[in-house]
């Protein structure tokens, strides 16, 4: 069994959780194309029901840290996928992008793993699921390993979290927004500017935990809910100006949560601020419509539509790459979601 699953970039941020990887506020994301994980699993049936066993190769090598994460994930999802209790798995997985590139590798890797495990379970037990039911179940399972992973199960624009006006929205799984998006937003690019690829001083898991005691937690939750609804309205109407305002406010709000945590922490670098200032100056001069966001790290995702691609590529290569680590950046774009590579 083999699946390719992409990463995604959140525009309205998921920061702070409760229960079993449930979000404090809804998040809205754009699924990528070129940043993905491919996972291949060969399985054999065992004589006992002692739980799944597995061997794992990550990028062709053993990786103890990721192996521990996979073990925990399999233990959790085995309650939902009973066939896993009687099989041995040989897992091989690799990313198309550097692990330290500031892209959510847990989103792509755990969604790819969830898609494989669900497919294997259904094959062994001869379970037939419709395409929509399969993806919703895969999103639910992915969430148990990584919150952001539940959004990678769908392509284009995705919503995760209960949201007014979307009866099928849920904290337990993501839903696609394809039928609610203006055509202006169907050809967006994401230039991922690698400012620093070093390990963060605070992991995302640690940062989520620090939100529990953040004095501005309740304000952030309210802001996230309002911004999710407003961003979806902008996507529907094709309002790029409002879209950009919300996306950039979300970045500022997210990183303000880092500064007001106890202990506080800073993830951006001097070059991050230099790039942001250059982007704002360029936008004011040219009146081009583009925006930017950051995840929990220093690297910038520059988002723009296809009709200004030539101008943006020239600006990136002439003005921004000198501020990137070793001149590195990744050229990505909106994607259609996971791909089944091999169903055997």
C-alpha atoms as a PDB file:
ATOM      1  CA  UNK A   1       0.000   0.000   0.000  1.00  0.00           C
ATOM      2  CA  UNK A   2       1.380   3.410  -0.901  1.00  0.00           C
ATOM      3  CA  UNK A   3       0.039   6.958  -0.569  1.00  0.00           C
ATOM      4  CA  UNK A   4       1.485  10.382  -1.315  1.00  0.00           C
ATOM      5  CA  UNK A   5       0.121  13.110   0.944  1.00  0.00           C
ATOM      6  CA  UNK A   6       0.986  16.820   0.804  1.00  0.00           C
ATOM      7  CA  UNK A   7       1.755  19.305   3.511  1.00  0.00           C
ATOM      8  CA  UNK A   8      -0.432  22.371   4.022  1.00  0.00           C
ATOM      9  CA  UNK A   9      -0.007  25.928   5.234  1.00  0.00           C
ATOM     10  CA  UNK A  10      -2.537  27.365   7.685  1.00  0.00           C
ATOM     11  CA  UNK A  11      -3.773  30.892   7.022  1.00  0.00           C
ATOM     12  CA  UNK A  12      -5.941  31.017  10.132  1.00  0.00           C
ATOM     13  CA  UNK A  13      -3.775  29.347  12.723  1.00  0.00           C
ATOM     14  CA  UNK A  14      -4.298  26.284  14.894  1.00  0.00           C
ATOM     15  CA  UNK A  15      -2.597  27.154  18.172  1.00  0.00           C
ATOM     16  CA  UNK A  16      -3.881  25.731  21.418  1.00  0.00           C
ATOM     17  CA  UNK A  17      -5.790  22.511  21.851  1.00  0.00           C
ATOM     18  CA  UNK A  18      -7.891  20.476  24.239  1.00  0.00           C
ATOM     19  CA  UNK A  19      -8.805  16.810  24.641  1.00  0.00           C
ATOM     20  CA  UNK A  20      -7.389  14.503  21.980  1.00  0.00           C
ATOM     21  CA  UNK A  21      -5.829  16.958  19.535  1.00  0.00           C
ATOM     22  CA  UNK A  22      -8.988  19.084  19.340  1.00  0.00           C
ATOM     23  CA  UNK A  23      -8.568  22.747  18.325  1.00  0.00           C
ATOM     24  CA  UNK A  24      -9.489  25.729  20.471  1.00  0.00           C
ATOM     25  CA  UNK A  25     -10.502  27.612  17.312  1.00  0.00           C
ATOM     26  CA  UNK A  26     -11.077  26.729  13.650  1.00  0.00           C
ATOM     27  CA  UNK A  27      -8.212  26.890  11.172  1.00  0.00           C
ATOM     28  CA  UNK A  28      -8.201  27.418   7.404  1.00  0.00           C
ATOM     29  CA  UNK A  29      -5.380  26.096   5.225  1.00  0.00           C
ATOM     30  CA  UNK A  30      -4.100  25.816   1.674  1.00  0.00           C
ATOM     31  CA  UNK A  31      -2.922  22.373   0.565  1.00  0.00           C
ATOM     32  CA  UNK A  32       0.430  22.300  -1.224  1.00  0.00           C
ATOM     33  CA  UNK A  33       1.652  20.277  -4.218  1.00  0.00           C
ATOM     34  CA  UNK A  34       5.416  19.858  -4.245  1.00  0.00           C
ATOM     35  CA  UNK A  35       5.971  19.415  -0.500  1.00  0.00           C
ATOM     36  CA  UNK A  36       4.728  15.913   0.219  1.00  0.00           C
ATOM     37  CA  UNK A  37       5.431  12.614   1.954  1.00  0.00           C
ATOM     38  CA  UNK A  38       5.336   9.254   0.199  1.00  0.00           C
ATOM     39  CA  UNK A  39       4.696   6.278   2.455  1.00  0.00           C
ATOM     40  CA  UNK A  40       4.890   2.650   1.332  1.00  0.00           C
ATOM     41  CA  UNK A  41       3.738  -0.171   3.621  1.00  0.00           C
ATOM     42  CA  UNK A  42       4.051  -3.901   3.068  1.00  0.00           C
ATOM     43  CA  UNK A  43       2.144  -5.995   5.598  1.00  0.00           C
ATOM     44  CA  UNK A  44       1.921  -9.616   6.656  1.00  0.00           C
ATOM     45  CA  UNK A  45      -0.667 -11.308   8.837  1.00  0.00           C
ATOM     46  CA  UNK A  46       0.410 -12.663  12.234  1.00  0.00           C
ATOM     47  CA  UNK A  47      -0.940 -15.615  14.196  1.00  0.00           C
ATOM     48  CA  UNK A  48      -1.682 -13.598  17.322  1.00  0.00           C
ATOM     49  CA  UNK A  49      -3.675 -10.501  18.231  1.00  0.00           C
ATOM     50  CA  UNK A  50      -0.893  -8.901  20.255  1.00  0.00           C
ATOM     51  CA  UNK A  51      -0.998  -5.609  18.416  1.00  0.00           C
ATOM     52  CA  UNK A  52       0.746  -4.264  15.345  1.00  0.00           C
ATOM     53  CA  UNK A  53       4.500  -4.598  15.031  1.00  0.00           C
ATOM     54  CA  UNK A  54       6.536  -2.669  12.500  1.00  0.00           C
ATOM     55  CA  UNK A  55       9.893  -1.798  11.022  1.00  0.00           C
ATOM     56  CA  UNK A  56      10.447   1.762   9.835  1.00  0.00           C
ATOM     57  CA  UNK A  57      12.797   3.459   7.416  1.00  0.00           C
ATOM     58  CA  UNK A  58      12.642   7.248   7.145  1.00  0.00           C
ATOM     59  CA  UNK A  59      14.530   8.656   4.156  1.00  0.00           C
ATOM     60  CA  UNK A  60      16.098   5.198   3.820  1.00  0.00           C
ATOM     61  CA  UNK A  61      17.471   5.151   7.371  1.00  0.00           C
ATOM     62  CA  UNK A  62      16.363   4.256  10.871  1.00  0.00           C
ATOM     63  CA  UNK A  63      15.015   7.211  12.834  1.00  0.00           C
ATOM     64  CA  UNK A  64      14.345   6.604  16.529  1.00  0.00           C
ATOM     65  CA  UNK A  65      12.439   9.830  17.158  1.00  0.00           C
ATOM     66  CA  UNK A  66      10.040   9.305  14.263  1.00  0.00           C
ATOM     67  CA  UNK A  67       9.742   5.621  15.135  1.00  0.00           C
ATOM     68  CA  UNK A  68       8.510   6.557  18.616  1.00  0.00           C
ATOM     69  CA  UNK A  69       5.952   8.925  17.072  1.00  0.00           C
ATOM     70  CA  UNK A  70       4.740   6.238  14.661  1.00  0.00           C
ATOM     71  CA  UNK A  71       4.473   3.707  17.496  1.00  0.00           C
ATOM     72  CA  UNK A  72       2.308   6.064  19.543  1.00  0.00           C
ATOM     73  CA  UNK A  73       0.158   6.829  16.510  1.00  0.00           C
ATOM     74  CA  UNK A  74      -0.397   3.168  15.623  1.00  0.00           C
ATOM     75  CA  UNK A  75      -1.314   2.388  19.228  1.00  0.00           C
ATOM     76  CA  UNK A  76      -3.960   5.119  19.171  1.00  0.00           C
ATOM     77  CA  UNK A  77      -5.491   4.361  15.758  1.00  0.00           C
ATOM     78  CA  UNK A  78      -5.542   0.592  16.393  1.00  0.00           C
ATOM     79  CA  UNK A  79      -8.663   1.227  18.472  1.00  0.00           C
ATOM     80  CA  UNK A  80     -10.325   2.480  15.279  1.00  0.00           C
ATOM     81  CA  UNK A  81      -8.671  -0.010  12.905  1.00  0.00           C
ATOM     82  CA  UNK A  82      -8.931  -3.480  14.455  1.00  0.00           C
ATOM     83  CA  UNK A  83      -7.092  -5.254  11.613  1.00  0.00           C
ATOM     84  CA  UNK A  84      -3.859  -3.593  12.741  1.00  0.00           C
ATOM     85  CA  UNK A  85      -3.798  -5.766  15.856  1.00  0.00           C
ATOM     86  CA  UNK A  86      -2.892  -8.866  13.836  1.00  0.00           C
ATOM     87  CA  UNK A  87      -0.363  -7.625  11.278  1.00  0.00           C
ATOM     88  CA  UNK A  88       3.304  -6.725  10.904  1.00  0.00           C
ATOM     89  CA  UNK A  89       4.133  -3.584   8.926  1.00  0.00           C
ATOM     90  CA  UNK A  90       7.247  -2.756   6.945  1.00  0.00           C
ATOM     91  CA  UNK A  91       7.066   1.010   6.558  1.00  0.00           C
ATOM     92  CA  UNK A  92       9.213   3.117   4.247  1.00  0.00           C
ATOM     93  CA  UNK A  93       8.583   6.849   4.101  1.00  0.00           C
ATOM     94  CA  UNK A  94      10.317   9.877   2.646  1.00  0.00           C
ATOM     95  CA  UNK A  95       9.679  13.596   2.212  1.00  0.00           C
ATOM     96  CA  UNK A  96      10.139  15.607  -0.961  1.00  0.00           C
ATOM     97  CA  UNK A  97      11.437  18.512   1.135  1.00  0.00           C
ATOM     98  CA  UNK A  98      14.114  18.914   3.832  1.00  0.00           C
ATOM     99  CA  UNK A  99      12.854  18.004   7.295  1.00  0.00           C
ATOM    100  CA  UNK A 100      14.139  21.345   8.633  1.00  0.00           C
ATOM    101  CA  UNK A 101      12.672  23.524   5.878  1.00  0.00           C
ATOM    102  CA  UNK A 102       9.968  25.028   8.069  1.00  0.00           C
ATOM    103  CA  UNK A 103       7.193  23.017   6.435  1.00  0.00           C
ATOM    104  CA  UNK A 104       4.762  20.909   8.454  1.00  0.00           C
ATOM    105  CA  UNK A 105       6.321  17.482   7.905  1.00  0.00           C
ATOM    106  CA  UNK A 106       4.054  15.969  10.560  1.00  0.00           C
ATOM    107  CA  UNK A 107       1.032  17.029   8.481  1.00  0.00           C
ATOM    108  CA  UNK A 108       2.185  15.229   5.356  1.00  0.00           C
ATOM    109  CA  UNK A 109       3.837  12.235   7.049  1.00  0.00           C
ATOM    110  CA  UNK A 110       1.048  11.341   9.467  1.00  0.00           C
ATOM    111  CA  UNK A 111      -1.724  11.896   6.927  1.00  0.00           C
ATOM    112  CA  UNK A 112       0.124   9.622   4.477  1.00  0.00           C
ATOM    113  CA  UNK A 113       0.490   7.022   7.220  1.00  0.00           C
ATOM    114  CA  UNK A 114      -3.190   7.314   8.189  1.00  0.00           C
ATOM    115  CA  UNK A 115      -4.285   6.877   4.576  1.00  0.00           C
ATOM    116  CA  UNK A 116      -2.143   3.736   4.250  1.00  0.00           C
ATOM    117  CA  UNK A 117      -3.334   2.214   7.526  1.00  0.00           C
ATOM    118  CA  UNK A 118      -7.003   2.883   6.772  1.00  0.00           C
ATOM    119  CA  UNK A 119      -6.598   1.351   3.305  1.00  0.00           C
ATOM    120  CA  UNK A 120      -4.908  -1.750   4.752  1.00  0.00           C
ATOM    121  CA  UNK A 121      -7.576  -2.171   7.438  1.00  0.00           C
ATOM    122  CA  UNK A 122     -10.384  -1.890   4.884  1.00  0.00           C
ATOM    123  CA  UNK A 123      -8.669  -4.355   2.541  1.00  0.00           C
ATOM    124  CA  UNK A 124      -8.134  -6.995   5.237  1.00  0.00           C
ATOM    125  CA  UNK A 125     -11.665  -6.672   6.646  1.00  0.00           C
ATOM    126  CA  UNK A 126     -13.265  -6.194   3.217  1.00  0.00           C
ATOM    127  CA  UNK A 127     -14.780  -2.863   4.255  1.00  0.00           C
ATOM    128  CA  UNK A 128     -16.280  -0.761   1.469  1.00  0.00           C
ATOM    129  CA  UNK A 129     -16.342   2.997   2.056  1.00  0.00           C
ATOM    130  CA  UNK A 130     -17.390   5.787  -0.292  1.00  0.00           C
ATOM    131  CA  UNK A 131     -14.714   8.253  -1.291  1.00  0.00           C
ATOM    132  CA  UNK A 132     -16.102  10.972   0.996  1.00  0.00           C
ATOM    133  CA  UNK A 133     -16.450   8.610   3.955  1.00  0.00           C
ATOM    134  CA  UNK A 134     -12.927   7.308   3.420  1.00  0.00           C
ATOM    135  CA  UNK A 135     -11.376  10.782   3.391  1.00  0.00           C
ATOM    136  CA  UNK A 136     -13.349  11.918   6.423  1.00  0.00           C
ATOM    137  CA  UNK A 137     -12.232   8.837   8.355  1.00  0.00           C
ATOM    138  CA  UNK A 138      -8.637   9.413   7.214  1.00  0.00           C
ATOM    139  CA  UNK A 139      -8.865  13.032   8.374  1.00  0.00           C
ATOM    140  CA  UNK A 140     -10.192  11.905  11.756  1.00  0.00           C
ATOM    141  CA  UNK A 141      -7.365   9.385  12.135  1.00  0.00           C
ATOM    142  CA  UNK A 142      -4.698  11.860  10.993  1.00  0.00           C
ATOM    143  CA  UNK A 143      -5.816  14.310  13.665  1.00  0.00           C
ATOM    144  CA  UNK A 144      -5.018  11.773  16.365  1.00  0.00           C
ATOM    145  CA  UNK A 145      -1.355  11.988  15.379  1.00  0.00           C
ATOM    146  CA  UNK A 146      -1.063  15.645  14.410  1.00  0.00           C
ATOM    147  CA  UNK A 147      -3.769  18.272  14.354  1.00  0.00           C
ATOM    148  CA  UNK A 148      -2.557  19.902  11.142  1.00  0.00           C
ATOM    149  CA  UNK A 149      -2.408  16.481   9.439  1.00  0.00           C
ATOM    150  CA  UNK A 150      -6.198  16.256   9.282  1.00  0.00           C
ATOM    151  CA  UNK A 151      -6.205  19.157   6.797  1.00  0.00           C
ATOM    152  CA  UNK A 152      -3.745  17.444   4.412  1.00  0.00           C
ATOM    153  CA  UNK A 153      -6.297  14.769   3.507  1.00  0.00           C
ATOM    154  CA  UNK A 154      -8.066  17.275   1.240  1.00  0.00           C
ATOM    155  CA  UNK A 155      -6.887  19.471  -1.602  1.00  0.00           C
ATOM    156  CA  UNK A 156      -7.132  23.202  -2.210  1.00  0.00           C
ATOM    157  CA  UNK A 157      -8.651  25.177   0.688  1.00  0.00           C
ATOM    158  CA  UNK A 158      -9.612  23.324   3.867  1.00  0.00           C
ATOM    159  CA  UNK A 159     -11.459  24.096   7.118  1.00  0.00           C
ATOM    160  CA  UNK A 160     -10.880  22.309  10.405  1.00  0.00           C
ATOM    161  CA  UNK A 161     -13.024  23.116  13.436  1.00  0.00           C
ATOM    162  CA  UNK A 162     -16.661  23.824  14.168  1.00  0.00           C
ATOM    163  CA  UNK A 163     -17.674  26.971  12.290  1.00  0.00           C
ATOM    164  CA  UNK A 164     -21.015  28.763  12.075  1.00  0.00           C
ATOM    165  CA  UNK A 165     -22.613  28.301   8.670  1.00  0.00           C
ATOM    166  CA  UNK A 166     -20.901  24.960   7.993  1.00  0.00           C
ATOM    167  CA  UNK A 167     -23.107  22.219   9.403  1.00  0.00           C
ATOM    168  CA  UNK A 168     -20.625  19.481   8.503  1.00  0.00           C
ATOM    169  CA  UNK A 169     -17.658  21.241  10.103  1.00  0.00           C
ATOM    170  CA  UNK A 170     -16.180  19.528  13.142  1.00  0.00           C
ATOM    171  CA  UNK A 171     -13.355  19.674  15.652  1.00  0.00           C
ATOM    172  CA  UNK A 172     -12.748  15.971  14.953  1.00  0.00           C
ATOM    173  CA  UNK A 173     -11.950  16.172  11.232  1.00  0.00           C
ATOM    174  CA  UNK A 174     -11.412  18.686   8.438  1.00  0.00           C
ATOM    175  CA  UNK A 175     -13.695  19.418   5.489  1.00  0.00           C
ATOM    176  CA  UNK A 176     -12.919  20.747   1.977  1.00  0.00           C
ATOM    177  CA  UNK A 177     -13.940  24.291   1.023  1.00  0.00           C
ATOM    178  CA  UNK A 178     -13.728  23.734  -2.744  1.00  0.00           C
ATOM    179  CA  UNK A 179     -17.372  24.712  -3.344  1.00  0.00           C
ATOM    180  CA  UNK A 180     -17.011  27.925  -1.363  1.00  0.00           C
ATOM    181  CA  UNK A 181     -13.988  29.505  -3.050  1.00  0.00           C
ATOM    182  CA  UNK A 182     -13.889  32.129  -5.808  1.00  0.00           C
ATOM    183  CA  UNK A 183     -11.926  31.192  -8.911  1.00  0.00           C
ATOM    184  CA  UNK A 184      -9.388  33.948  -8.113  1.00  0.00           C
ATOM    185  CA  UNK A 185      -7.989  31.727  -5.367  1.00  0.00           C
ATOM    186  CA  UNK A 186      -7.700  28.514  -7.387  1.00  0.00           C
ATOM    187  CA  UNK A 187      -4.224  29.208  -8.799  1.00  0.00           C
ATOM    188  CA  UNK A 188      -2.256  30.431  -5.794  1.00  0.00           C
ATOM    189  CA  UNK A 189       1.470  29.868  -5.388  1.00  0.00           C
ATOM    190  CA  UNK A 190       3.479  29.532  -2.188  1.00  0.00           C
ATOM    191  CA  UNK A 191       7.112  30.647  -2.280  1.00  0.00           C
ATOM    192  CA  UNK A 192       8.618  29.179   0.886  1.00  0.00           C
ATOM    193  CA  UNK A 193      11.581  31.350   1.870  1.00  0.00           C
ATOM    194  CA  UNK A 194      13.994  29.394   4.070  1.00  0.00           C
ATOM    195  CA  UNK A 195      15.388  31.939   6.528  1.00  0.00           C
ATOM    196  CA  UNK A 196      16.732  29.376   8.973  1.00  0.00           C
ATOM    197  CA  UNK A 197      16.608  25.575   8.934  1.00  0.00           C
ATOM    198  CA  UNK A 198      17.917  25.034  12.453  1.00  0.00           C
ATOM    199  CA  UNK A 199      15.963  23.277  15.172  1.00  0.00           C
ATOM    200  CA  UNK A 200      13.465  25.535  16.937  1.00  0.00           C
ATOM    201  CA  UNK A 201      14.102  26.352  20.634  1.00  0.00           C
ATOM    202  CA  UNK A 202      10.481  25.421  21.367  1.00  0.00           C
ATOM    203  CA  UNK A 203       8.692  22.611  19.553  1.00  0.00           C
ATOM    204  CA  UNK A 204       5.108  23.041  18.391  1.00  0.00           C
ATOM    205  CA  UNK A 205       3.973  20.495  20.996  1.00  0.00           C
ATOM    206  CA  UNK A 206       5.633  22.528  23.738  1.00  0.00           C
ATOM    207  CA  UNK A 207       4.152  25.735  22.350  1.00  0.00           C
ATOM    208  CA  UNK A 208       0.638  24.297  22.334  1.00  0.00           C
ATOM    209  CA  UNK A 209       1.068  23.302  25.961  1.00  0.00           C
ATOM    210  CA  UNK A 210       2.208  26.810  26.901  1.00  0.00           C
ATOM    211  CA  UNK A 211      -1.060  28.186  25.485  1.00  0.00           C
ATOM    212  CA  UNK A 212      -2.910  26.584  28.391  1.00  0.00           C
ATOM    213  CA  UNK A 213      -1.571  29.248  30.762  1.00  0.00           C
ATOM    214  CA  UNK A 214      -1.260  32.137  28.308  1.00  0.00           C
ATOM    215  CA  UNK A 215      -3.138  35.171  29.718  1.00  0.00           C
ATOM    216  CA  UNK A 216      -4.371  36.054  26.215  1.00  0.00           C
ATOM    217  CA  UNK A 217      -5.649  32.564  25.424  1.00  0.00           C
ATOM    218  CA  UNK A 218      -9.362  33.452  25.484  1.00  0.00           C
ATOM    219  CA  UNK A 219      -8.776  36.508  23.296  1.00  0.00           C
ATOM    220  CA  UNK A 220      -6.848  34.385  20.795  1.00  0.00           C
ATOM    221  CA  UNK A 221      -9.662  31.834  20.620  1.00  0.00           C
ATOM    222  CA  UNK A 222     -12.238  34.545  19.920  1.00  0.00           C
ATOM    223  CA  UNK A 223      -9.979  36.136  17.303  1.00  0.00           C
ATOM    224  CA  UNK A 224      -9.359  32.802  15.591  1.00  0.00           C
ATOM    225  CA  UNK A 225     -13.076  32.073  15.321  1.00  0.00           C
ATOM    226  CA  UNK A 226     -13.841  35.500  13.869  1.00  0.00           C
ATOM    227  CA  UNK A 227     -10.918  35.366  11.449  1.00  0.00           C
ATOM    228  CA  UNK A 228     -11.846  31.886  10.204  1.00  0.00           C
ATOM    229  CA  UNK A 229     -15.354  33.058   9.303  1.00  0.00           C
ATOM    230  CA  UNK A 230     -14.058  36.296   7.748  1.00  0.00           C
ATOM    231  CA  UNK A 231     -11.380  34.530   5.709  1.00  0.00           C
ATOM    232  CA  UNK A 232     -13.913  32.089   4.282  1.00  0.00           C
ATOM    233  CA  UNK A 233     -16.118  35.060   3.314  1.00  0.00           C
ATOM    234  CA  UNK A 234     -13.125  36.626   1.521  1.00  0.00           C
ATOM    235  CA  UNK A 235     -12.407  33.325  -0.271  1.00  0.00           C
ATOM    236  CA  UNK A 236     -16.039  33.128  -1.367  1.00  0.00           C
ATOM    237  CA  UNK A 237     -16.233  36.690  -2.672  1.00  0.00           C
ATOM    238  CA  UNK A 238     -12.752  36.803  -4.212  1.00  0.00           C
ATOM    239  CA  UNK A 239     -11.728  39.728  -1.987  1.00  0.00           C
ATOM    240  CA  UNK A 240      -7.919  39.550  -2.077  1.00  0.00           C
ATOM    241  CA  UNK A 241      -7.459  42.677   0.023  1.00  0.00           C
ATOM    242  CA  UNK A 242      -9.474  41.345   2.964  1.00  0.00           C
ATOM    243  CA  UNK A 243      -7.847  37.946   2.511  1.00  0.00           C
ATOM    244  CA  UNK A 244      -4.381  39.503   2.867  1.00  0.00           C
ATOM    245  CA  UNK A 245      -5.355  41.594   5.889  1.00  0.00           C
ATOM    246  CA  UNK A 246      -6.638  38.566   7.790  1.00  0.00           C
ATOM    247  CA  UNK A 247      -3.705  36.332   6.838  1.00  0.00           C
ATOM    248  CA  UNK A 248      -1.143  38.885   8.001  1.00  0.00           C
ATOM    249  CA  UNK A 249      -3.050  39.686  11.173  1.00  0.00           C
ATOM    250  CA  UNK A 250      -3.097  35.974  11.993  1.00  0.00           C
ATOM    251  CA  UNK A 251       0.706  35.858  11.697  1.00  0.00           C
ATOM    252  CA  UNK A 252       1.084  38.787  14.083  1.00  0.00           C
ATOM    253  CA  UNK A 253      -1.413  37.289  16.515  1.00  0.00           C
ATOM    254  CA  UNK A 254       0.256  33.868  16.483  1.00  0.00           C
ATOM    255  CA  UNK A 255       3.716  35.226  17.177  1.00  0.00           C
ATOM    256  CA  UNK A 256       2.280  37.531  19.863  1.00  0.00           C
ATOM    257  CA  UNK A 257       1.141  34.356  21.630  1.00  0.00           C
ATOM    258  CA  UNK A 258       4.751  33.199  21.662  1.00  0.00           C
ATOM    259  CA  UNK A 259       5.892  36.466  23.227  1.00  0.00           C
ATOM    260  CA  UNK A 260       3.186  36.358  25.905  1.00  0.00           C
ATOM    261  CA  UNK A 261       3.698  32.719  26.871  1.00  0.00           C
ATOM    262  CA  UNK A 262       5.471  31.854  30.107  1.00  0.00           C
ATOM    263  CA  UNK A 263       8.274  31.342  29.442  1.00  0.00           C
ATOM    264  CA  UNK A 264       8.127  33.565  26.366  1.00  0.00           C
ATOM    265  CA  UNK A 265       9.933  32.636  23.184  1.00  0.00           C
ATOM    266  CA  UNK A 266      10.810  34.211  19.835  1.00  0.00           C
ATOM    267  CA  UNK A 267      10.948  32.143  16.640  1.00  0.00           C
ATOM    268  CA  UNK A 268      11.486  34.811  13.986  1.00  0.00           C
ATOM    269  CA  UNK A 269      14.965  35.911  12.939  1.00  0.00           C
ATOM    270  CA  UNK A 270      16.310  39.343  11.884  1.00  0.00           C
ATOM    271  CA  UNK A 271      16.150  38.208   8.251  1.00  0.00           C
ATOM    272  CA  UNK A 272      12.464  37.362   8.711  1.00  0.00           C
ATOM    273  CA  UNK A 273      11.710  40.985   9.570  1.00  0.00           C
ATOM    274  CA  UNK A 274      13.896  42.251   6.733  1.00  0.00           C
ATOM    275  CA  UNK A 275      11.979  40.133   4.230  1.00  0.00           C
ATOM    276  CA  UNK A 276       8.609  41.282   5.619  1.00  0.00           C
ATOM    277  CA  UNK A 277       9.656  44.926   5.341  1.00  0.00           C
ATOM    278  CA  UNK A 278      10.829  44.358   1.755  1.00  0.00           C
ATOM    279  CA  UNK A 279       7.515  42.677   0.898  1.00  0.00           C
ATOM    280  CA  UNK A 280       5.476  45.547   2.305  1.00  0.00           C
ATOM    281  CA  UNK A 281       7.601  48.143   0.518  1.00  0.00           C
ATOM    282  CA  UNK A 282       7.341  46.235  -2.780  1.00  0.00           C
ATOM    283  CA  UNK A 283       3.573  45.916  -2.398  1.00  0.00           C
ATOM    284  CA  UNK A 284       3.159  49.631  -1.656  1.00  0.00           C
ATOM    285  CA  UNK A 285       5.242  50.526  -4.707  1.00  0.00           C
ATOM    286  CA  UNK A 286       3.689  48.114  -7.204  1.00  0.00           C
ATOM    287  CA  UNK A 287       0.128  47.760  -5.823  1.00  0.00           C
ATOM    288  CA  UNK A 288       0.381  44.014  -6.530  1.00  0.00           C
ATOM    289  CA  UNK A 289      -1.931  41.791  -4.497  1.00  0.00           C
ATOM    290  CA  UNK A 290      -0.004  39.201  -2.521  1.00  0.00           C
ATOM    291  CA  UNK A 291       0.391  38.256   1.118  1.00  0.00           C
ATOM    292  CA  UNK A 292       2.596  36.255   3.453  1.00  0.00           C
ATOM    293  CA  UNK A 293       2.336  33.975   6.451  1.00  0.00           C
ATOM    294  CA  UNK A 294       4.602  32.058   8.813  1.00  0.00           C
ATOM    295  CA  UNK A 295       4.156  28.863  10.749  1.00  0.00           C
ATOM    296  CA  UNK A 296       5.689  28.435  14.204  1.00  0.00           C
ATOM    297  CA  UNK A 297       9.146  29.294  12.925  1.00  0.00           C
ATOM    298  CA  UNK A 298      11.182  31.936  11.071  1.00  0.00           C
ATOM    299  CA  UNK A 299      10.466  30.937   7.469  1.00  0.00           C
ATOM    300  CA  UNK A 300       8.076  32.896   5.273  1.00  0.00           C
ATOM    301  CA  UNK A 301       5.368  31.582   2.971  1.00  0.00           C
ATOM    302  CA  UNK A 302       4.785  34.160   0.220  1.00  0.00           C
ATOM    303  CA  UNK A 303       1.339  33.652  -1.330  1.00  0.00           C
ATOM    304  CA  UNK A 304       0.318  35.083  -4.684  1.00  0.00           C
ATOM    305  CA  UNK A 305      -1.895  34.344  -7.692  1.00  0.00           C
ATOM    306  CA  UNK A 306      -0.705  33.016 -11.038  1.00  0.00           C
ATOM    307  CA  UNK A 307      -1.375  36.272 -12.911  1.00  0.00           C
ATOM    308  CA  UNK A 308       1.553  38.019 -11.162  1.00  0.00           C
ATOM    309  CA  UNK A 309       3.931  35.048 -11.106  1.00  0.00           C
ATOM    310  CA  UNK A 310       6.587  36.531 -13.395  1.00  0.00           C
ATOM    311  CA  UNK A 311       6.829  39.713 -11.325  1.00  0.00           C
ATOM    312  CA  UNK A 312       6.979  37.769  -8.045  1.00  0.00           C
ATOM    313  CA  UNK A 313       9.675  35.384  -9.285  1.00  0.00           C
ATOM    314  CA  UNK A 314      11.806  38.309 -10.409  1.00  0.00           C
ATOM    315  CA  UNK A 315      11.387  40.014  -7.018  1.00  0.00           C
ATOM    316  CA  UNK A 316      12.170  36.833  -5.081  1.00  0.00           C
ATOM    317  CA  UNK A 317      15.316  36.093  -7.051  1.00  0.00           C
ATOM    318  CA  UNK A 318      16.590  39.670  -7.133  1.00  0.00           C
ATOM    319  CA  UNK A 319      15.665  40.897  -3.644  1.00  0.00           C
ATOM    320  CA  UNK A 320      14.842  38.064  -1.255  1.00  0.00           C
ATOM    321  CA  UNK A 321      17.124  35.087  -1.842  1.00  0.00           C
ATOM    322  CA  UNK A 322      20.090  36.981  -0.378  1.00  0.00           C
ATOM    323  CA  UNK A 323      18.226  36.940   2.958  1.00  0.00           C
ATOM    324  CA  UNK A 324      17.494  33.210   2.759  1.00  0.00           C
ATOM    325  CA  UNK A 325      19.793  30.575   4.239  1.00  0.00           C
ATOM    326  CA  UNK A 326      22.212  29.634   1.428  1.00  0.00           C
ATOM    327  CA  UNK A 327      19.775  31.324  -0.955  1.00  0.00           C
ATOM    328  CA  UNK A 328      17.268  28.476  -0.479  1.00  0.00           C
ATOM    329  CA  UNK A 329      13.567  28.704  -1.222  1.00  0.00           C
ATOM    330  CA  UNK A 330      10.905  26.238  -2.387  1.00  0.00           C
ATOM    331  CA  UNK A 331       8.557  26.978  -5.286  1.00  0.00           C
ATOM    332  CA  UNK A 332       5.185  25.440  -4.446  1.00  0.00           C
ATOM    333  CA  UNK A 333       1.526  25.954  -5.311  1.00  0.00           C
ATOM    334  CA  UNK A 334      -1.991  24.977  -4.329  1.00  0.00           C
ATOM    335  CA  UNK A 335      -2.575  21.241  -4.685  1.00  0.00           C
ATOM    336  CA  UNK A 336      -5.339  18.710  -5.187  1.00  0.00           C
ATOM    337  CA  UNK A 337      -4.615  16.525  -2.163  1.00  0.00           C
ATOM    338  CA  UNK A 338      -3.348  12.979  -1.565  1.00  0.00           C
ATOM    339  CA  UNK A 339      -2.678  10.451  -4.333  1.00  0.00           C
ATOM    340  CA  UNK A 340      -3.036   6.672  -4.052  1.00  0.00           C
ATOM    341  CA  UNK A 341       0.184   5.304  -5.579  1.00  0.00           C
ATOM    342  CA  UNK A 342      -0.315   1.562  -5.038  1.00  0.00           C
ATOM    343  CA  UNK A 343      -3.350  -0.225  -3.633  1.00  0.00           C
ATOM    344  CA  UNK A 344      -1.675  -3.628  -3.190  1.00  0.00           C
END
